[in-house]
Amino acid sequence: MNWALAAPTESLREIARLRQVAGVSVCSAGSAVWLQGEGLDEPLSRALRVIPGGRQFSVLPDGQLIATGMLVPSGRLPGGPWQPLADWLTLQLPPQHQGEA
């Protein structure tokens, strides 16, 4: 089954740890960052659970969301645009301090 996760933008550091996971796409919607993908193995499930403020969902074929532990859909997946997480993230090196080579 497909999955989704909504997290506050303050959780970007933890979300960035998933950039190497194949098949994860991202959409920014308001003050939330949404992730989605197909299939959910145990390592990925653990990684999603530790994202601060993250709310995890199962996604029905028509885009309806079912919150983890619930039975009834409550909302829909944002329409997008969606893109691969690795493309969406831009990695930045910390600024060099004067005197460093």
PDB file of N, CA and C in Angstrom:
ATOM      1  N   MET A   1       0.840  -1.184   0.000  1.00  0.00           N
ATOM      2  CA  MET A   1       0.000   0.000   0.000  1.00  0.00           C
ATOM      3  C   MET A   1       0.883   1.243   0.000  1.00  0.00           C
ATOM      4  N   ASN A   2       0.416   2.293  -0.615  1.00  0.00           N
ATOM      5  CA  ASN A   2       1.146   3.553  -0.634  1.00  0.00           C
ATOM      6  C   ASN A   2       1.057   4.230   0.723  1.00  0.00           C
ATOM      7  N   TRP A   3       2.038   5.046   1.027  1.00  0.00           N
ATOM      8  CA  TRP A   3       2.095   5.750   2.296  1.00  0.00           C
ATOM      9  C   TRP A   3       2.347   7.231   2.045  1.00  0.00           C
ATOM     10  N   ALA A   4       2.047   8.034   3.056  1.00  0.00           N
ATOM     11  CA  ALA A   4       2.354   9.462   3.031  1.00  0.00           C
ATOM     12  C   ALA A   4       2.689   9.909   4.445  1.00  0.00           C
ATOM     13  N   LEU A   5       3.404  11.009   4.531  1.00  0.00           N
ATOM     14  CA  LEU A   5       3.739  11.589   5.817  1.00  0.00           C
ATOM     15  C   LEU A   5       3.692  13.100   5.669  1.00  0.00           C
ATOM     16  N   ALA A   6       3.041  13.764   6.614  1.00  0.00           N
ATOM     17  CA  ALA A   6       3.034  15.224   6.684  1.00  0.00           C
ATOM     18  C   ALA A   6       3.856  15.629   7.888  1.00  0.00           C
ATOM     19  N   ALA A   7       4.757  16.585   7.698  1.00  0.00           N
ATOM     20  CA  ALA A   7       5.602  17.052   8.788  1.00  0.00           C
ATOM     21  C   ALA A   7       5.782  18.562   8.672  1.00  0.00           C
ATOM     22  N   PRO A   8       6.009  19.225   9.800  1.00  0.00           N
ATOM     23  CA  PRO A   8       6.260  20.668   9.739  1.00  0.00           C
ATOM     24  C   PRO A   8       7.609  20.946   9.068  1.00  0.00           C
ATOM     25  N   THR A   9       7.732  22.123   8.471  1.00  0.00           N
ATOM     26  CA  THR A   9       8.980  22.474   7.789  1.00  0.00           C
ATOM     27  C   THR A   9      10.173  22.472   8.746  1.00  0.00           C
ATOM     28  N   GLU A  10       9.928  22.613  10.036  1.00  0.00           N
ATOM     29  CA  GLU A  10      11.018  22.569  11.019  1.00  0.00           C
ATOM     30  C   GLU A  10      11.680  21.191  11.079  1.00  0.00           C
ATOM     31  N   SER A  11      11.077  20.196  10.465  1.00  0.00           N
ATOM     32  CA  SER A  11      11.611  18.827  10.486  1.00  0.00           C
ATOM     33  C   SER A  11      12.482  18.511   9.275  1.00  0.00           C
ATOM     34  N   LEU A  12      12.874  19.540   8.512  1.00  0.00           N
ATOM     35  CA  LEU A  12      13.632  19.298   7.272  1.00  0.00           C
ATOM     36  C   LEU A  12      14.950  18.558   7.507  1.00  0.00           C
ATOM     37  N   ARG A  13      15.605  18.809   8.615  1.00  0.00           N
ATOM     38  CA  ARG A  13      16.877  18.123   8.886  1.00  0.00           C
ATOM     39  C   ARG A  13      16.665  16.606   8.941  1.00  0.00           C
ATOM     40  N   GLU A  14      15.616  16.176   9.619  1.00  0.00           N
ATOM     41  CA  GLU A  14      15.328  14.743   9.707  1.00  0.00           C
ATOM     42  C   GLU A  14      14.818  14.199   8.375  1.00  0.00           C
ATOM     43  N   ILE A  15      14.022  14.982   7.672  1.00  0.00           N
ATOM     44  CA  ILE A  15      13.522  14.560   6.353  1.00  0.00           C
ATOM     45  C   ILE A  15      14.687  14.361   5.386  1.00  0.00           C
ATOM     46  N   ALA A  16      15.688  15.218   5.470  1.00  0.00           N
ATOM     47  CA  ALA A  16      16.846  15.130   4.574  1.00  0.00           C
ATOM     48  C   ALA A  16      17.574  13.801   4.703  1.00  0.00           C
ATOM     49  N   ARG A  17      17.458  13.150   5.837  1.00  0.00           N
ATOM     50  CA  ARG A  17      18.112  11.847   6.019  1.00  0.00           C
ATOM     51  C   ARG A  17      17.529  10.774   5.098  1.00  0.00           C
ATOM     52  N   LEU A  18      16.363  11.043   4.536  1.00  0.00           N
ATOM     53  CA  LEU A  18      15.714  10.076   3.640  1.00  0.00           C
ATOM     54  C   LEU A  18      16.060  10.301   2.171  1.00  0.00           C
ATOM     55  N   ARG A  19      16.947  11.248   1.868  1.00  0.00           N
ATOM     56  CA  ARG A  19      17.209  11.610   0.472  1.00  0.00           C
ATOM     57  C   ARG A  19      17.753  10.459  -0.361  1.00  0.00           C
ATOM     58  N   GLN A  20      18.361   9.483   0.264  1.00  0.00           N
ATOM     59  CA  GLN A  20      18.926   8.342  -0.462  1.00  0.00           C
ATOM     60  C   GLN A  20      17.920   7.204  -0.643  1.00  0.00           C
ATOM     61  N   VAL A  21      16.725   7.333  -0.055  1.00  0.00           N
ATOM     62  CA  VAL A  21      15.725   6.267  -0.146  1.00  0.00           C
ATOM     63  C   VAL A  21      15.025   6.380  -1.499  1.00  0.00           C
ATOM     64  N   ALA A  22      15.108   5.335  -2.294  1.00  0.00           N
ATOM     65  CA  ALA A  22      14.507   5.337  -3.630  1.00  0.00           C
ATOM     66  C   ALA A  22      12.987   5.416  -3.536  1.00  0.00           C
ATOM     67  N   GLY A  23      12.400   6.177  -4.447  1.00  0.00           N
ATOM     68  CA  GLY A  23      10.953   6.215  -4.568  1.00  0.00           C
ATOM     69  C   GLY A  23      10.233   7.181  -3.651  1.00  0.00           C
ATOM     70  N   VAL A  24      10.964   7.968  -2.857  1.00  0.00           N
ATOM     71  CA  VAL A  24      10.320   8.940  -1.972  1.00  0.00           C
ATOM     72  C   VAL A  24      10.183  10.260  -2.727  1.00  0.00           C
ATOM     73  N   SER A  25       8.965  10.774  -2.794  1.00  0.00           N
ATOM     74  CA  SER A  25       8.746  12.072  -3.421  1.00  0.00           C
ATOM     75  C   SER A  25       8.211  13.047  -2.393  1.00  0.00           C
ATOM     76  N   VAL A  26       8.317  14.333  -2.707  1.00  0.00           N
ATOM     77  CA  VAL A  26       8.019  15.391  -1.747  1.00  0.00           C
ATOM     78  C   VAL A  26       7.189  16.489  -2.399  1.00  0.00           C
ATOM     79  N   CYS A  27       6.378  17.133  -1.566  1.00  0.00           N
ATOM     80  CA  CYS A  27       5.555  18.258  -1.977  1.00  0.00           C
ATOM     81  C   CYS A  27       5.479  19.211  -0.794  1.00  0.00           C
ATOM     82  N   SER A  28       5.685  20.485  -1.045  1.00  0.00           N
ATOM     83  CA  SER A  28       5.539  21.487   0.004  1.00  0.00           C
ATOM     84  C   SER A  28       4.153  22.089  -0.123  1.00  0.00           C
ATOM     85  N   ALA A  29       3.383  22.035   0.962  1.00  0.00           N
ATOM     86  CA  ALA A  29       2.009  22.550   0.957  1.00  0.00           C
ATOM     87  C   ALA A  29       1.787  23.365   2.216  1.00  0.00           C
ATOM     88  N   GLY A  30       1.820  24.684   2.071  1.00  0.00           N
ATOM     89  CA  GLY A  30       1.637  25.551   3.235  1.00  0.00           C
ATOM     90  C   GLY A  30       2.790  25.401   4.205  1.00  0.00           C
ATOM     91  N   SER A  31       2.485  25.151   5.459  1.00  0.00           N
ATOM     92  CA  SER A  31       3.524  25.012   6.473  1.00  0.00           C
ATOM     93  C   SER A  31       3.948  23.558   6.664  1.00  0.00           C
ATOM     94  N   ALA A  32       3.493  22.669   5.779  1.00  0.00           N
ATOM     95  CA  ALA A  32       3.828  21.250   5.891  1.00  0.00           C
ATOM     96  C   ALA A  32       4.652  20.782   4.695  1.00  0.00           C
ATOM     97  N   VAL A  33       5.474  19.804   4.960  1.00  0.00           N
ATOM     98  CA  VAL A  33       6.202  19.094   3.923  1.00  0.00           C
ATOM     99  C   VAL A  33       5.598  17.700   3.868  1.00  0.00           C
ATOM    100  N   TRP A  34       5.184  17.285   2.685  1.00  0.00           N
ATOM    101  CA  TRP A  34       4.574  15.977   2.499  1.00  0.00           C
ATOM    102  C   TRP A  34       5.557  15.063   1.790  1.00  0.00           C
ATOM    103  N   LEU A  35       5.638  13.838   2.264  1.00  0.00           N
ATOM    104  CA  LEU A  35       6.407  12.781   1.616  1.00  0.00           C
ATOM    105  C   LEU A  35       5.437  11.689   1.216  1.00  0.00           C
ATOM    106  N   GLN A  36       5.753  10.996   0.136  1.00  0.00           N
ATOM    107  CA  GLN A  36       4.947   9.842  -0.244  1.00  0.00           C
ATOM    108  C   GLN A  36       5.828   8.813  -0.937  1.00  0.00           C
ATOM    109  N   GLY A  37       5.336   7.584  -0.947  1.00  0.00           N
ATOM    110  CA  GLY A  37       6.052   6.514  -1.609  1.00  0.00           C
ATOM    111  C   GLY A  37       5.195   5.276  -1.695  1.00  0.00           C
ATOM    112  N   GLU A  38       5.755   4.267  -2.345  1.00  0.00           N
ATOM    113  CA  GLU A  38       5.080   2.977  -2.484  1.00  0.00           C
ATOM    114  C   GLU A  38       5.812   1.966  -1.621  1.00  0.00           C
ATOM    115  N   GLY A  39       5.048   1.159  -0.927  1.00  0.00           N
ATOM    116  CA  GLY A  39       5.653   0.122  -0.093  1.00  0.00           C
ATOM    117  C   GLY A  39       6.335   0.719   1.120  1.00  0.00           C
ATOM    118  N   LEU A  40       6.207   0.039   2.231  1.00  0.00           N
ATOM    119  CA  LEU A  40       6.758   0.558   3.482  1.00  0.00           C
ATOM    120  C   LEU A  40       7.382  -0.596   4.246  1.00  0.00           C
ATOM    121  N   ASP A  41       8.718  -0.719   4.148  1.00  0.00           N
ATOM    122  CA  ASP A  41       9.395  -1.762   4.911  1.00  0.00           C
ATOM    123  C   ASP A  41       9.688  -1.247   6.320  1.00  0.00           C
ATOM    124  N   GLU A  42      10.163  -2.115   7.185  1.00  0.00           N
ATOM    125  CA  GLU A  42      10.375  -1.752   8.581  1.00  0.00           C
ATOM    126  C   GLU A  42      11.428  -0.658   8.761  1.00  0.00           C
ATOM    127  N   PRO A  43      12.577  -0.700   8.067  1.00  0.00           N
ATOM    128  CA  PRO A  43      13.549   0.387   8.254  1.00  0.00           C
ATOM    129  C   PRO A  43      12.982   1.758   7.860  1.00  0.00           C
ATOM    130  N   LEU A  44      12.245   1.824   6.767  1.00  0.00           N
ATOM    131  CA  LEU A  44      11.651   3.097   6.360  1.00  0.00           C
ATOM    132  C   LEU A  44      10.572   3.529   7.347  1.00  0.00           C
ATOM    133  N   SER A  45       9.777   2.591   7.815  1.00  0.00           N
ATOM    134  CA  SER A  45       8.742   2.910   8.792  1.00  0.00           C
ATOM    135  C   SER A  45       9.362   3.509  10.059  1.00  0.00           C
ATOM    136  N   ARG A  46      10.470   2.934  10.523  1.00  0.00           N
ATOM    137  CA  ARG A  46      11.170   3.474  11.705  1.00  0.00           C
ATOM    138  C   ARG A  46      11.687   4.880  11.433  1.00  0.00           C
ATOM    139  N   ALA A  47      12.259   5.092  10.247  1.00  0.00           N
ATOM    140  CA  ALA A  47      12.798   6.410   9.895  1.00  0.00           C
ATOM    141  C   ALA A  47      11.690   7.462   9.853  1.00  0.00           C
ATOM    142  N   LEU A  48      10.512   7.092   9.374  1.00  0.00           N
ATOM    143  CA  LEU A  48       9.398   8.040   9.315  1.00  0.00           C
ATOM    144  C   LEU A  48       8.873   8.365  10.710  1.00  0.00           C
ATOM    145  N   ARG A  49       8.861   7.366  11.587  1.00  0.00           N
ATOM    146  CA  ARG A  49       8.324   7.574  12.942  1.00  0.00           C
ATOM    147  C   ARG A  49       9.137   8.562  13.766  1.00  0.00           C
ATOM    148  N   VAL A  50      10.423   8.728  13.462  1.00  0.00           N
ATOM    149  CA  VAL A  50      11.254   9.623  14.264  1.00  0.00           C
ATOM    150  C   VAL A  50      11.271  11.055  13.733  1.00  0.00           C
ATOM    151  N   ILE A  51      10.563  11.333  12.672  1.00  0.00           N
ATOM    152  CA  ILE A  51      10.498  12.704  12.159  1.00  0.00           C
ATOM    153  C   ILE A  51       9.590  13.512  13.088  1.00  0.00           C
ATOM    154  N   PRO A  52      10.135  14.553  13.732  1.00  0.00           N
ATOM    155  CA  PRO A  52       9.351  15.324  14.699  1.00  0.00           C
ATOM    156  C   PRO A  52       8.091  15.935  14.072  1.00  0.00           C
ATOM    157  N   GLY A  53       6.968  15.737  14.737  1.00  0.00           N
ATOM    158  CA  GLY A  53       5.708  16.303  14.267  1.00  0.00           C
ATOM    159  C   GLY A  53       5.109  15.581  13.079  1.00  0.00           C
ATOM    160  N   GLY A  54       5.720  14.480  12.647  1.00  0.00           N
ATOM    161  CA  GLY A  54       5.244  13.750  11.477  1.00  0.00           C
ATOM    162  C   GLY A  54       3.945  13.007  11.742  1.00  0.00           C
ATOM    163  N   ARG A  55       3.043  13.062  10.778  1.00  0.00           N
ATOM    164  CA  ARG A  55       1.785  12.304  10.835  1.00  0.00           C
ATOM    165  C   ARG A  55       1.772  11.368   9.639  1.00  0.00           C
ATOM    166  N   GLN A  56       1.700  10.081   9.901  1.00  0.00           N
ATOM    167  CA  GLN A  56       1.795   9.077   8.856  1.00  0.00           C
ATOM    168  C   GLN A  56       0.413   8.602   8.425  1.00  0.00           C
ATOM    169  N   PHE A  57       0.285   8.318   7.118  1.00  0.00           N
ATOM    170  CA  PHE A  57      -0.986   7.907   6.530  1.00  0.00           C
ATOM    171  C   PHE A  57      -0.775   6.757   5.553  1.00  0.00           C
ATOM    172  N   SER A  58      -1.828   5.975   5.373  1.00  0.00           N
ATOM    173  CA  SER A  58      -1.940   5.081   4.219  1.00  0.00           C
ATOM    174  C   SER A  58      -2.699   5.870   3.171  1.00  0.00           C
ATOM    175  N   VAL A  59      -2.351   5.648   1.904  1.00  0.00           N
ATOM    176  CA  VAL A  59      -2.983   6.388   0.818  1.00  0.00           C
ATOM    177  C   VAL A  59      -3.801   5.420  -0.035  1.00  0.00           C
ATOM    178  N   LEU A  60      -5.088   5.695  -0.148  1.00  0.00           N
ATOM    179  CA  LEU A  60      -5.967   4.891  -0.994  1.00  0.00           C
ATOM    180  C   LEU A  60      -5.721   5.238  -2.462  1.00  0.00           C
ATOM    181  N   PRO A  61      -6.111   4.364  -3.398  1.00  0.00           N
ATOM    182  CA  PRO A  61      -5.876   4.622  -4.824  1.00  0.00           C
ATOM    183  C   PRO A  61      -6.431   5.962  -5.328  1.00  0.00           C
ATOM    184  N   ASP A  62      -7.489   6.469  -4.695  1.00  0.00           N
ATOM    185  CA  ASP A  62      -8.065   7.743  -5.138  1.00  0.00           C
ATOM    186  C   ASP A  62      -7.457   8.951  -4.416  1.00  0.00           C
ATOM    187  N   GLY A  63      -6.389   8.735  -3.622  1.00  0.00           N
ATOM    188  CA  GLY A  63      -5.708   9.827  -2.949  1.00  0.00           C
ATOM    189  C   GLY A  63      -6.216  10.146  -1.557  1.00  0.00           C
ATOM    190  N   GLN A  64      -7.238   9.440  -1.075  1.00  0.00           N
ATOM    191  CA  GLN A  64      -7.713   9.665   0.281  1.00  0.00           C
ATOM    192  C   GLN A  64      -6.674   9.147   1.283  1.00  0.00           C
ATOM    193  N   LEU A  65      -6.598   9.828   2.421  1.00  0.00           N
ATOM    194  CA  LEU A  65      -5.633   9.498   3.460  1.00  0.00           C
ATOM    195  C   LEU A  65      -6.310   8.838   4.651  1.00  0.00           C
ATOM    196  N   ILE A  66      -5.686   7.791   5.153  1.00  0.00           N
ATOM    197  CA  ILE A  66      -6.134   7.145   6.383  1.00  0.00           C
ATOM    198  C   ILE A  66      -4.979   7.251   7.373  1.00  0.00           C
ATOM    199  N   ALA A  67      -5.187   8.013   8.446  1.00  0.00           N
ATOM    200  CA  ALA A  67      -4.140   8.183   9.454  1.00  0.00           C
ATOM    201  C   ALA A  67      -3.800   6.842  10.082  1.00  0.00           C
ATOM    202  N   THR A  68      -2.535   6.656  10.417  1.00  0.00           N
ATOM    203  CA  THR A  68      -2.088   5.425  11.053  1.00  0.00           C
ATOM    204  C   THR A  68      -2.925   5.163  12.308  1.00  0.00           C
ATOM    205  N   GLY A  69      -3.436   3.947  12.417  1.00  0.00           N
ATOM    206  CA  GLY A  69      -4.250   3.557  13.560  1.00  0.00           C
ATOM    207  C   GLY A  69      -5.730   3.847  13.400  1.00  0.00           C
ATOM    208  N   MET A  70      -6.109   4.494  12.315  1.00  0.00           N
ATOM    209  CA  MET A  70      -7.509   4.834  12.082  1.00  0.00           C
ATOM    210  C   MET A  70      -8.072   3.939  10.970  1.00  0.00           C
ATOM    211  N   LEU A  71      -9.404   3.948  10.808  1.00  0.00           N
ATOM    212  CA  LEU A  71     -10.049   3.126   9.794  1.00  0.00           C
ATOM    213  C   LEU A  71     -10.745   3.949   8.709  1.00  0.00           C
ATOM    214  N   VAL A  72     -11.047   5.193   9.029  1.00  0.00           N
ATOM    215  CA  VAL A  72     -11.834   6.032   8.123  1.00  0.00           C
ATOM    216  C   VAL A  72     -10.933   7.091   7.491  1.00  0.00           C
ATOM    217  N   PRO A  73     -11.037   7.300   6.177  1.00  0.00           N
ATOM    218  CA  PRO A  73     -10.229   8.343   5.532  1.00  0.00           C
ATOM    219  C   PRO A  73     -10.524   9.721   6.121  1.00  0.00           C
ATOM    220  N   SER A  74      -9.477  10.546   6.170  1.00  0.00           N
ATOM    221  CA  SER A  74      -9.626  11.897   6.712  1.00  0.00           C
ATOM    222  C   SER A  74      -8.744  12.852   5.915  1.00  0.00           C
ATOM    223  N   GLY A  75      -9.185  13.212   4.743  1.00  0.00           N
ATOM    224  CA  GLY A  75      -8.432  14.139   3.917  1.00  0.00           C
ATOM    225  C   GLY A  75      -7.890  13.479   2.674  1.00  0.00           C
ATOM    226  N   ARG A  76      -7.173  14.283   1.900  1.00  0.00           N
ATOM    227  CA  ARG A  76      -6.593  13.819   0.638  1.00  0.00           C
ATOM    228  C   ARG A  76      -5.138  14.242   0.537  1.00  0.00           C
ATOM    229  N   LEU A  77      -4.413  13.494  -0.233  1.00  0.00           N
ATOM    230  CA  LEU A  77      -3.030  13.818  -0.523  1.00  0.00           C
ATOM    231  C   LEU A  77      -2.997  15.118  -1.331  1.00  0.00           C
ATOM    232  N   PRO A  78      -2.081  16.046  -1.016  1.00  0.00           N
ATOM    233  CA  PRO A  78      -1.998  17.272  -1.811  1.00  0.00           C
ATOM    234  C   PRO A  78      -1.767  16.969  -3.287  1.00  0.00           C
ATOM    235  N   GLY A  79      -2.281  17.841  -4.136  1.00  0.00           N
ATOM    236  CA  GLY A  79      -2.173  17.634  -5.580  1.00  0.00           C
ATOM    237  C   GLY A  79      -0.781  17.823  -6.148  1.00  0.00           C
ATOM    238  N   GLY A  80       0.069  18.516  -5.463  1.00  0.00           N
ATOM    239  CA  GLY A  80       1.430  18.670  -5.968  1.00  0.00           C
ATOM    240  C   GLY A  80       1.737  20.109  -6.336  1.00  0.00           C
ATOM    241  N   PRO A  81       2.808  20.331  -6.996  1.00  0.00           N
ATOM    242  CA  PRO A  81       3.648  19.365  -7.717  1.00  0.00           C
ATOM    243  C   PRO A  81       4.517  18.529  -6.768  1.00  0.00           C
ATOM    244  N   TRP A  82       4.710  17.283  -7.155  1.00  0.00           N
ATOM    245  CA  TRP A  82       5.552  16.341  -6.433  1.00  0.00           C
ATOM    246  C   TRP A  82       6.845  16.157  -7.215  1.00  0.00           C
ATOM    247  N   GLN A  83       7.930  15.950  -6.490  1.00  0.00           N
ATOM    248  CA  GLN A  83       9.202  15.653  -7.146  1.00  0.00           C
ATOM    249  C   GLN A  83      10.032  14.742  -6.255  1.00  0.00           C
ATOM    250  N   PRO A  84      11.022  14.060  -6.825  1.00  0.00           N
ATOM    251  CA  PRO A  84      11.861  13.190  -6.003  1.00  0.00           C
ATOM    252  C   PRO A  84      12.522  13.990  -4.879  1.00  0.00           C
ATOM    253  N   LEU A  85      12.571  13.396  -3.700  1.00  0.00           N
ATOM    254  CA  LEU A  85      13.133  14.072  -2.538  1.00  0.00           C
ATOM    255  C   LEU A  85      14.570  14.499  -2.794  1.00  0.00           C
ATOM    256  N   ALA A  86      15.371  13.646  -3.418  1.00  0.00           N
ATOM    257  CA  ALA A  86      16.781  13.977  -3.659  1.00  0.00           C
ATOM    258  C   ALA A  86      16.916  15.201  -4.556  1.00  0.00           C
ATOM    259  N   ASP A  87      15.996  15.411  -5.488  1.00  0.00           N
ATOM    260  CA  ASP A  87      16.041  16.588  -6.360  1.00  0.00           C
ATOM    261  C   ASP A  87      15.558  17.835  -5.630  1.00  0.00           C
ATOM    262  N   TRP A  88      14.618  17.670  -4.740  1.00  0.00           N
ATOM    263  CA  TRP A  88      14.008  18.794  -4.023  1.00  0.00           C
ATOM    264  C   TRP A  88      14.957  19.407  -3.005  1.00  0.00           C
ATOM    265  N   LEU A  89      15.733  18.549  -2.368  1.00  0.00           N
ATOM    266  CA  LEU A  89      16.671  19.020  -1.342  1.00  0.00           C
ATOM    267  C   LEU A  89      17.906  19.618  -1.997  1.00  0.00           C
ATOM    268  N   THR A  90      18.372  20.698  -1.461  1.00  0.00           N
ATOM    269  CA  THR A  90      19.652  21.249  -1.894  1.00  0.00           C
ATOM    270  C   THR A  90      20.571  21.221  -0.688  1.00  0.00           C
ATOM    271  N   LEU A  91      21.651  20.537  -0.844  1.00  0.00           N
ATOM    272  CA  LEU A  91      22.613  20.446   0.253  1.00  0.00           C
ATOM    273  C   LEU A  91      23.534  21.643   0.205  1.00  0.00           C
ATOM    274  N   GLN A  92      23.806  22.224   1.353  1.00  0.00           N
ATOM    275  CA  GLN A  92      24.695  23.368   1.441  1.00  0.00           C
ATOM    276  C   GLN A  92      25.800  23.067   2.428  1.00  0.00           C
ATOM    277  N   LEU A  93      27.014  23.446   2.041  1.00  0.00           N
ATOM    278  CA  LEU A  93      28.134  23.320   2.963  1.00  0.00           C
ATOM    279  C   LEU A  93      28.081  24.484   3.937  1.00  0.00           C
ATOM    280  N   PRO A  94      28.500  24.262   5.180  1.00  0.00           N
ATOM    281  CA  PRO A  94      28.530  25.382   6.115  1.00  0.00           C
ATOM    282  C   PRO A  94      29.539  26.423   5.634  1.00  0.00           C
ATOM    283  N   PRO A  95      29.303  27.689   5.920  1.00  0.00           N
ATOM    284  CA  PRO A  95      30.246  28.721   5.474  1.00  0.00           C
ATOM    285  C   PRO A  95      31.598  28.539   6.140  1.00  0.00           C
ATOM    286  N   GLN A  96      32.646  28.843   5.384  1.00  0.00           N
ATOM    287  CA  GLN A  96      33.983  28.767   5.949  1.00  0.00           C
ATOM    288  C   GLN A  96      34.226  29.994   6.810  1.00  0.00           C
ATOM    289  N   HIS A  97      34.898  29.777   7.919  1.00  0.00           N
ATOM    290  CA  HIS A  97      35.271  30.893   8.779  1.00  0.00           C
ATOM    291  C   HIS A  97      36.575  31.494   8.243  1.00  0.00           C
ATOM    292  N   GLN A  98      36.755  32.773   8.417  1.00  0.00           N
ATOM    293  CA  GLN A  98      37.989  33.404   7.963  1.00  0.00           C
ATOM    294  C   GLN A  98      39.169  32.758   8.656  1.00  0.00           C
ATOM    295  N   GLY A  99      40.213  32.568   7.889  1.00  0.00           N
ATOM    296  CA  GLY A  99      41.408  31.957   8.442  1.00  0.00           C
ATOM    297  C   GLY A  99      41.467  30.458   8.198  1.00  0.00           C
ATOM    298  N   GLU A 100      40.336  29.865   7.729  1.00  0.00           N
ATOM    299  CA  GLU A 100      40.342  28.423   7.410  1.00  0.00           C
ATOM    300  C   GLU A 100      40.730  28.253   5.966  1.00  0.00           C
ATOM    301  N   ALA A 101      41.412  27.198   5.675  1.00  0.00           N
ATOM    302  CA  ALA A 101      41.821  26.925   4.295  1.00  0.00           C
ATOM    303  C   ALA A 101      40.867  25.990   3.626  1.00  0.00           C
TER     304      ALA A 101
END
